[in-house]
C-alpha atoms as a PDB file:
ATOM      1  CA  MET A   1     -41.053   5.346  28.392  1.00  0.00           C
ATOM      2  CA  MET A   2     -41.070   1.938  30.048  1.00  0.00           C
ATOM      3  CA  GLU A   3     -37.324   2.162  30.618  1.00  0.00           C
ATOM      4  CA  GLU A   4     -37.698   5.563  32.323  1.00  0.00           C
ATOM      5  CA  GLU A   5     -40.482   4.257  34.552  1.00  0.00           C
ATOM      6  CA  LEU A   6     -38.352   1.237  35.429  1.00  0.00           C
ATOM      7  CA  ASP A   7     -35.426   3.467  36.371  1.00  0.00           C
ATOM      8  CA  LEU A   8     -37.627   5.570  38.620  1.00  0.00           C
ATOM      9  CA  ARG A   9     -38.984   2.427  40.216  1.00  0.00           C
ATOM     10  CA  GLU A  10     -35.466   1.135  40.843  1.00  0.00           C
ATOM     11  CA  VAL A  11     -34.534   4.412  42.485  1.00  0.00           C
ATOM     12  CA  PHE A  12     -37.552   4.161  44.752  1.00  0.00           C
ATOM     13  CA  LEU A  13     -36.749   0.547  45.639  1.00  0.00           C
ATOM     14  CA  ILE A  14     -33.130   1.429  46.422  1.00  0.00           C
ATOM     15  CA  LEU A  15     -34.200   4.250  48.731  1.00  0.00           C
ATOM     16  CA  ARG A  16     -36.793   2.081  50.427  1.00  0.00           C
ATOM     17  CA  LYS A  17     -34.327  -0.761  50.897  1.00  0.00           C
ATOM     18  CA  ARG A  18     -31.881   1.481  52.715  1.00  0.00           C
ATOM     19  CA  ILE A  19     -34.382   3.817  54.386  1.00  0.00           C
ATOM     20  CA  LYS A  20     -32.905   3.040  57.797  1.00  0.00           C
ATOM     21  CA  ILE A  21     -29.525   4.418  56.754  1.00  0.00           C
ATOM     22  CA  ILE A  22     -31.149   7.562  55.360  1.00  0.00           C
ATOM     23  CA  LEU A  23     -33.178   8.170  58.506  1.00  0.00           C
ATOM     24  CA  LEU A  24     -30.242   7.403  60.805  1.00  0.00           C
ATOM     25  CA  ILE A  25     -27.840   9.822  59.118  1.00  0.00           C
ATOM     26  CA  THR A  26     -30.470  12.570  58.804  1.00  0.00           C
ATOM     27  CA  VAL A  27     -31.585  12.338  62.430  1.00  0.00           C
ATOM     28  CA  LEU A  28     -27.988  12.098  63.632  1.00  0.00           C
ATOM     29  CA  ALA A  29     -27.009  15.225  61.684  1.00  0.00           C
ATOM     30  CA  MET A  30     -29.949  17.162  63.139  1.00  0.00           C
ATOM     31  CA  LEU A  31     -29.168  15.944  66.664  1.00  0.00           C
ATOM     32  CA  VAL A  32     -25.486  16.872  66.446  1.00  0.00           C
ATOM     33  CA  SER A  33     -26.341  20.303  64.999  1.00  0.00           C
ATOM     34  CA  GLY A  34     -28.843  20.962  67.784  1.00  0.00           C
ATOM     35  CA  LEU A  35     -26.418  19.934  70.520  1.00  0.00           C
ATOM     36  CA  ILE A  36     -23.591  22.054  69.081  1.00  0.00           C
ATOM     37  CA  SER A  37     -25.836  25.091  68.610  1.00  0.00           C
ATOM     38  CA  TYR A  38     -27.310  24.819  72.098  1.00  0.00           C
ATOM     39  CA  TYR A  39     -24.372  23.679  74.226  1.00  0.00           C
ATOM     40  CA  VAL A  40     -21.148  24.464  72.340  1.00  0.00           C
ATOM     41  CA  LEU A  41     -21.636  27.727  70.438  1.00  0.00           C
ATOM     42  CA  SER A  42     -21.747  30.826  72.609  1.00  0.00           C
ATOM     43  CA  PRO A  43     -24.924  32.899  72.296  1.00  0.00           C
ATOM     44  CA  VAL A  44     -24.575  36.328  70.697  1.00  0.00           C
ATOM     45  CA  TYR A  45     -26.828  39.250  71.604  1.00  0.00           C
ATOM     46  CA  LYS A  46     -27.232  42.553  69.794  1.00  0.00           C
ATOM     47  CA  ALA A  47     -28.102  45.862  71.432  1.00  0.00           C
ATOM     48  CA  SER A  48     -28.793  49.015  69.425  1.00  0.00           C
ATOM     49  CA  THR A  49     -28.984  52.720  70.080  1.00  0.00           C
ATOM     50  CA  SER A  50     -30.197  55.314  67.600  1.00  0.00           C
ATOM     51  CA  LEU A  51     -29.023  58.888  67.076  1.00  0.00           C
ATOM     52  CA  ILE A  52     -30.349  61.719  64.964  1.00  0.00           C
ATOM     53  CA  ILE A  53     -28.445  64.439  63.174  1.00  0.00           C
ATOM     54  CA  SER A  54     -30.238  67.596  64.268  1.00  0.00           C
ATOM     55  CA  ARG A  55     -31.132  70.315  61.843  1.00  0.00           C
ATOM     56  CA  THR A  56     -29.023  73.432  61.651  1.00  0.00           C
ATOM     57  CA  GLN A  57     -30.129  76.770  62.980  1.00  0.00           C
ATOM     58  CA  ASN A  58     -31.317  77.982  59.570  1.00  0.00           C
ATOM     59  CA  ILE A  59     -35.082  78.278  59.871  1.00  0.00           C
ATOM     60  CA  THR A  60     -37.509  79.890  57.490  1.00  0.00           C
ATOM     61  CA  ILE A  61     -39.897  82.599  58.489  1.00  0.00           C
ATOM     62  CA  ASN A  62     -42.655  80.012  58.823  1.00  0.00           C
ATOM     63  CA  ASN A  63     -40.461  78.036  61.226  1.00  0.00           C
ATOM     64  CA  GLN A  64     -40.072  75.221  58.683  1.00  0.00           C
ATOM     65  CA  ILE A  65     -36.840  73.267  58.197  1.00  0.00           C
ATOM     66  CA  GLN A  66     -35.189  74.229  54.948  1.00  0.00           C
ATOM     67  CA  LEU A  67     -34.677  71.493  52.350  1.00  0.00           C
ATOM     68  CA  GLN A  68     -30.962  72.272  52.273  1.00  0.00           C
ATOM     69  CA  ASP A  69     -30.724  71.586  56.013  1.00  0.00           C
ATOM     70  CA  ILE A  70     -32.298  68.146  55.578  1.00  0.00           C
ATOM     71  CA  GLN A  71     -29.971  67.232  52.716  1.00  0.00           C
ATOM     72  CA  THR A  72     -26.969  68.392  54.694  1.00  0.00           C
ATOM     73  CA  SER A  73     -28.008  66.297  57.697  1.00  0.00           C
ATOM     74  CA  ARG A  74     -28.411  63.220  55.505  1.00  0.00           C
ATOM     75  CA  MET A  75     -24.930  63.648  54.047  1.00  0.00           C
ATOM     76  CA  LEU A  76     -23.514  64.136  57.532  1.00  0.00           C
ATOM     77  CA  ALA A  77     -25.184  60.910  58.659  1.00  0.00           C
ATOM     78  CA  ALA A  78     -23.025  58.924  56.224  1.00  0.00           C
ATOM     79  CA  THR A  79     -19.899  60.751  57.403  1.00  0.00           C
ATOM     80  CA  TYR A  80     -20.756  60.289  61.055  1.00  0.00           C
ATOM     81  CA  SER A  81     -21.286  56.554  60.503  1.00  0.00           C
ATOM     82  CA  GLU A  82     -17.606  56.266  59.635  1.00  0.00           C
ATOM     83  CA  ILE A  83     -16.477  58.457  62.534  1.00  0.00           C
ATOM     84  CA  VAL A  84     -18.325  56.203  65.002  1.00  0.00           C
ATOM     85  CA  LYS A  85     -15.932  53.331  64.176  1.00  0.00           C
ATOM     86  CA  SER A  86     -12.794  55.454  64.433  1.00  0.00           C
ATOM     87  CA  ARG A  87     -10.084  54.778  66.998  1.00  0.00           C
ATOM     88  CA  ARG A  88     -10.690  58.190  68.557  1.00  0.00           C
ATOM     89  CA  VAL A  89     -14.243  57.173  69.463  1.00  0.00           C
ATOM     90  CA  LEU A  90     -13.689  53.515  70.351  1.00  0.00           C
ATOM     91  CA  GLN A  91     -10.488  53.729  72.399  1.00  0.00           C
ATOM     92  CA  PRO A  92     -12.175  55.499  75.352  1.00  0.00           C
ATOM     93  CA  VAL A  93     -14.827  52.757  75.396  1.00  0.00           C
ATOM     94  CA  VAL A  94     -12.189  50.006  75.519  1.00  0.00           C
ATOM     95  CA  THR A  95     -10.437  51.844  78.351  1.00  0.00           C
ATOM     96  CA  LYS A  96     -13.621  52.607  80.291  1.00  0.00           C
ATOM     97  CA  PHE A  97     -14.809  49.000  80.432  1.00  0.00           C
ATOM     98  CA  ASN A  98     -11.304  47.520  80.447  1.00  0.00           C
ATOM     99  CA  LEU A  99     -12.372  45.290  77.577  1.00  0.00           C
ATOM    100  CA  PRO A 100     -10.116  42.294  76.861  1.00  0.00           C
ATOM    101  CA  MET A 101      -9.911  43.276  73.197  1.00  0.00           C
ATOM    102  CA  SER A 102      -8.275  45.772  70.893  1.00  0.00           C
ATOM    103  CA  VAL A 103      -9.991  48.633  69.128  1.00  0.00           C
ATOM    104  CA  GLU A 104      -9.994  46.564  65.929  1.00  0.00           C
ATOM    105  CA  ASP A 105     -11.694  43.693  67.745  1.00  0.00           C
ATOM    106  CA  LEU A 106     -14.349  46.039  69.089  1.00  0.00           C
ATOM    107  CA  LYS A 107     -14.791  47.520  65.644  1.00  0.00           C
ATOM    108  CA  GLY A 108     -15.603  44.043  64.347  1.00  0.00           C
ATOM    109  CA  LYS A 109     -18.451  43.786  66.861  1.00  0.00           C
ATOM    110  CA  ILE A 110     -20.077  47.042  65.747  1.00  0.00           C
ATOM    111  CA  ASP A 111     -22.546  47.737  62.969  1.00  0.00           C
ATOM    112  CA  VAL A 112     -23.253  51.367  62.117  1.00  0.00           C
ATOM    113  CA  THR A 113     -26.046  52.048  59.655  1.00  0.00           C
ATOM    114  CA  SER A 114     -27.446  55.245  58.273  1.00  0.00           C
ATOM    115  CA  LYS A 115     -31.169  54.812  57.632  1.00  0.00           C
ATOM    116  CA  ASP A 116     -32.108  55.414  54.013  1.00  0.00           C
ATOM    117  CA  ASN A 117     -33.209  58.970  53.282  1.00  0.00           C
ATOM    118  CA  THR A 118     -33.190  59.916  56.965  1.00  0.00           C
ATOM    119  CA  GLU A 119     -30.866  61.677  59.363  1.00  0.00           C
ATOM    120  CA  ILE A 120     -30.878  58.724  61.767  1.00  0.00           C
ATOM    121  CA  ILE A 121     -27.835  56.626  62.675  1.00  0.00           C
ATOM    122  CA  GLU A 122     -28.166  53.268  64.403  1.00  0.00           C
ATOM    123  CA  ILE A 123     -25.251  51.825  66.379  1.00  0.00           C
ATOM    124  CA  SER A 124     -25.493  48.082  67.065  1.00  0.00           C
ATOM    125  CA  VAL A 125     -23.122  46.051  69.224  1.00  0.00           C
ATOM    126  CA  ARG A 126     -22.863  42.252  69.334  1.00  0.00           C
ATOM    127  CA  ASP A 127     -21.634  40.548  72.495  1.00  0.00           C
ATOM    128  CA  ASN A 128     -22.022  37.309  74.444  1.00  0.00           C
ATOM    129  CA  ASN A 129     -23.442  39.259  77.374  1.00  0.00           C
ATOM    130  CA  PRO A 130     -26.692  41.180  76.730  1.00  0.00           C
ATOM    131  CA  GLU A 131     -26.082  43.750  79.485  1.00  0.00           C
ATOM    132  CA  ARG A 132     -22.558  44.426  78.288  1.00  0.00           C
ATOM    133  CA  ALA A 133     -23.754  44.779  74.697  1.00  0.00           C
ATOM    134  CA  ALA A 134     -26.146  47.544  75.755  1.00  0.00           C
ATOM    135  CA  GLU A 135     -23.546  49.260  77.938  1.00  0.00           C
ATOM    136  CA  ILE A 136     -20.986  49.289  75.136  1.00  0.00           C
ATOM    137  CA  ALA A 137     -23.516  50.608  72.610  1.00  0.00           C
ATOM    138  CA  ASN A 138     -24.473  53.490  74.911  1.00  0.00           C
ATOM    139  CA  ALA A 139     -20.826  54.209  75.724  1.00  0.00           C
ATOM    140  CA  ILE A 140     -19.949  54.374  72.021  1.00  0.00           C
ATOM    141  CA  ALA A 141     -22.816  56.788  71.413  1.00  0.00           C
ATOM    142  CA  SER A 142     -21.655  58.967  74.312  1.00  0.00           C
ATOM    143  CA  SER A 143     -18.021  58.924  73.173  1.00  0.00           C
ATOM    144  CA  PHE A 144     -19.091  59.754  69.641  1.00  0.00           C
ATOM    145  CA  MET A 145     -21.191  62.721  70.757  1.00  0.00           C
ATOM    146  CA  ASP A 146     -18.299  64.050  72.862  1.00  0.00           C
ATOM    147  CA  ASN A 147     -15.780  63.741  70.036  1.00  0.00           C
ATOM    148  CA  ILE A 148     -17.977  65.000  67.221  1.00  0.00           C
ATOM    149  CA  VAL A 149     -18.045  68.433  68.862  1.00  0.00           C
ATOM    150  CA  LYS A 150     -14.247  68.540  68.761  1.00  0.00           C
ATOM    151  CA  ILE A 151     -13.953  67.086  65.281  1.00  0.00           C
ATOM    152  CA  MET A 152     -16.737  68.899  63.427  1.00  0.00           C
ATOM    153  CA  LYS A 153     -16.969  71.960  65.707  1.00  0.00           C
ATOM    154  CA  ILE A 154     -20.720  71.483  65.887  1.00  0.00           C
ATOM    155  CA  ASP A 155     -23.108  69.961  68.396  1.00  0.00           C
ATOM    156  CA  ASN A 156     -25.942  68.547  66.304  1.00  0.00           C
ATOM    157  CA  VAL A 157     -26.298  64.912  67.425  1.00  0.00           C
ATOM    158  CA  GLN A 158     -28.982  63.751  69.827  1.00  0.00           C
ATOM    159  CA  VAL A 159     -29.893  60.313  71.172  1.00  0.00           C
ATOM    160  CA  ILE A 160     -33.307  58.997  70.146  1.00  0.00           C
ATOM    161  CA  ASP A 161     -33.296  55.637  71.931  1.00  0.00           C
ATOM    162  CA  ARG A 162     -30.694  54.339  74.335  1.00  0.00           C
ATOM    163  CA  ALA A 163     -29.705  50.702  74.033  1.00  0.00           C
ATOM    164  CA  VAL A 164     -31.355  48.244  76.402  1.00  0.00           C
ATOM    165  CA  PRO A 165     -30.226  44.676  77.168  1.00  0.00           C
ATOM    166  CA  PRO A 166     -31.744  42.354  74.528  1.00  0.00           C
ATOM    167  CA  THR A 167     -33.866  39.435  75.707  1.00  0.00           C
ATOM    168  CA  SER A 168     -33.234  37.144  72.738  1.00  0.00           C
ATOM    169  CA  LYS A 169     -30.045  36.112  70.992  1.00  0.00           C
ATOM    170  CA  VAL A 170     -29.316  36.744  67.332  1.00  0.00           C
ATOM    171  CA  SER A 171     -27.102  33.698  66.950  1.00  0.00           C
ATOM    172  CA  PRO A 172     -26.740  30.812  66.844  1.00  0.00           C
ATOM    173  CA  LYS A 173     -30.178  30.189  65.359  1.00  0.00           C
ATOM    174  CA  THR A 174     -30.711  26.681  66.642  1.00  0.00           C
ATOM    175  CA  SER A 175     -33.872  25.910  64.675  1.00  0.00           C
ATOM    176  CA  LEU A 176     -32.371  27.106  61.393  1.00  0.00           C
ATOM    177  CA  ASN A 177     -29.154  25.178  62.019  1.00  0.00           C
ATOM    178  CA  VAL A 178     -31.108  21.995  62.725  1.00  0.00           C
ATOM    179  CA  VAL A 179     -33.140  22.349  59.520  1.00  0.00           C
ATOM    180  CA  ILE A 180     -30.015  22.975  57.440  1.00  0.00           C
ATOM    181  CA  ALA A 181     -28.262  20.015  59.056  1.00  0.00           C
ATOM    182  CA  GLY A 182     -31.310  17.844  58.312  1.00  0.00           C
ATOM    183  CA  VAL A 183     -31.275  18.792  54.632  1.00  0.00           C
ATOM    184  CA  LEU A 184     -27.528  18.219  54.358  1.00  0.00           C
ATOM    185  CA  GLY A 185     -27.814  14.930  56.227  1.00  0.00           C
ATOM    186  CA  LEU A 186     -30.580  13.794  53.868  1.00  0.00           C
ATOM    187  CA  MET A 187     -28.511  14.682  50.793  1.00  0.00           C
ATOM    188  CA  ILE A 188     -25.399  12.969  52.141  1.00  0.00           C
ATOM    189  CA  SER A 189     -27.324   9.851  53.148  1.00  0.00           C
ATOM    190  CA  ILE A 190     -28.952   9.532  49.704  1.00  0.00           C
ATOM    191  CA  PHE A 191     -25.562   9.955  48.036  1.00  0.00           C
ATOM    192  CA  LEU A 192     -24.113   7.297  50.340  1.00  0.00           C
ATOM    193  CA  VAL A 193     -26.997   4.919  49.598  1.00  0.00           C
ATOM    194  CA  PHE A 194     -26.485   5.159  45.842  1.00  0.00           C
ATOM    195  CA  LEU A 195     -22.723   4.829  46.301  1.00  0.00           C
ATOM    196  CA  LEU A 196     -23.225   1.608  48.270  1.00  0.00           C
ATOM    197  CA  GLU A 197     -25.661   0.357  45.650  1.00  0.00           C
ATOM    198  CA  TYR A 198     -23.203   1.127  42.867  1.00  0.00           C
ATOM    199  CA  MET A 199     -20.394  -0.728  44.640  1.00  0.00           C
ATOM    200  CA  ASP A 200     -22.631  -3.712  45.406  1.00  0.00           C
ATOM    201  CA  ARG A 201     -22.110  -6.150  42.509  1.00  0.00           C
ATOM    202  CA  THR A 202     -23.715  -9.202  44.086  1.00  0.00           C
ATOM    203  CA  VAL A 203     -26.398 -10.990  42.030  1.00  0.00           C
ATOM    204  CA  LYS A 204     -29.718 -11.137  43.823  1.00  0.00           C
ATOM    205  CA  THR A 205     -32.405 -11.429  41.136  1.00  0.00           C
ATOM    206  CA  PRO A 206     -32.766 -12.858  37.605  1.00  0.00           C
ATOM    207  CA  ASP A 207     -32.799  -9.310  36.332  1.00  0.00           C
ATOM    208  CA  ASP A 208     -29.341  -8.799  37.819  1.00  0.00           C
ATOM    209  CA  ILE A 209     -28.032 -11.708  35.704  1.00  0.00           C
ATOM    210  CA  LYS A 210     -29.323 -10.059  32.558  1.00  0.00           C
ATOM    211  CA  LYS A 211     -28.089  -6.663  33.662  1.00  0.00           C
ATOM    212  CA  TYR A 212     -24.547  -7.516  34.805  1.00  0.00           C
ATOM    213  CA  LEU A 213     -23.709 -10.744  32.907  1.00  0.00           C
ATOM    214  CA  ASN A 214     -25.823 -10.292  29.790  1.00  0.00           C
ATOM    215  CA  LEU A 215     -26.840 -13.962  29.938  1.00  0.00           C
ATOM    216  CA  PRO A 216     -30.296 -15.495  29.471  1.00  0.00           C
ATOM    217  CA  VAL A 217     -31.996 -17.025  32.495  1.00  0.00           C
ATOM    218  CA  LEU A 218     -32.785 -20.702  31.831  1.00  0.00           C
ATOM    219  CA  GLY A 219     -34.631 -21.419  35.058  1.00  0.00           C
ATOM    220  CA  ILE A 220     -35.313 -20.292  38.625  1.00  0.00           C
ATOM    221  CA  ILE A 221     -34.985 -22.473  41.709  1.00  0.00           C
ATOM    222  CA  PRO A 222     -37.701 -21.424  44.128  1.00  0.00           C
END
């Protein structure tokens, strides 16, 4: 028990002795991360538009939507989510805005999600320009609605909310990056401190003589 307490005390003394190194590396890592996130990395904005798969024309006498219609719309939502990212839908958008990217590049900027247990599709576009992100999202929705009539021979998609330019970026998350850099800097600095301590074989105290040389201490010169 005494040996364990002594080891813990030595660890504390080692950390305290080199606290300046720990603080310097940690603060430096946080500072570098903040500067890179704020000045180097380009901000990314995300704009979203939502569509709904309309019910079919089958209506009950009581003017209620049949359960089969709802289930069909939900299955179509998953199918439509894949069609949104097709070349047939995206190529007109690339051409319209003269985007400096291929269809595959644009596809990588798009997220299409079908809301669980609903007939709603959400199309999200990430871009460095918030206005352009919204314009592309709305253009994709428009191109999709035009093509779905030709592909599925049915006009059952309506826009719920058009995309608007976002006011806040989704990445980089400067605060989160700084915190992560601080934790990593702290871990690296502690590892470095113990590495320096391990490589330091100089004798500084009587205890070091016993520890490293295994010799008794006959006297101490004050």
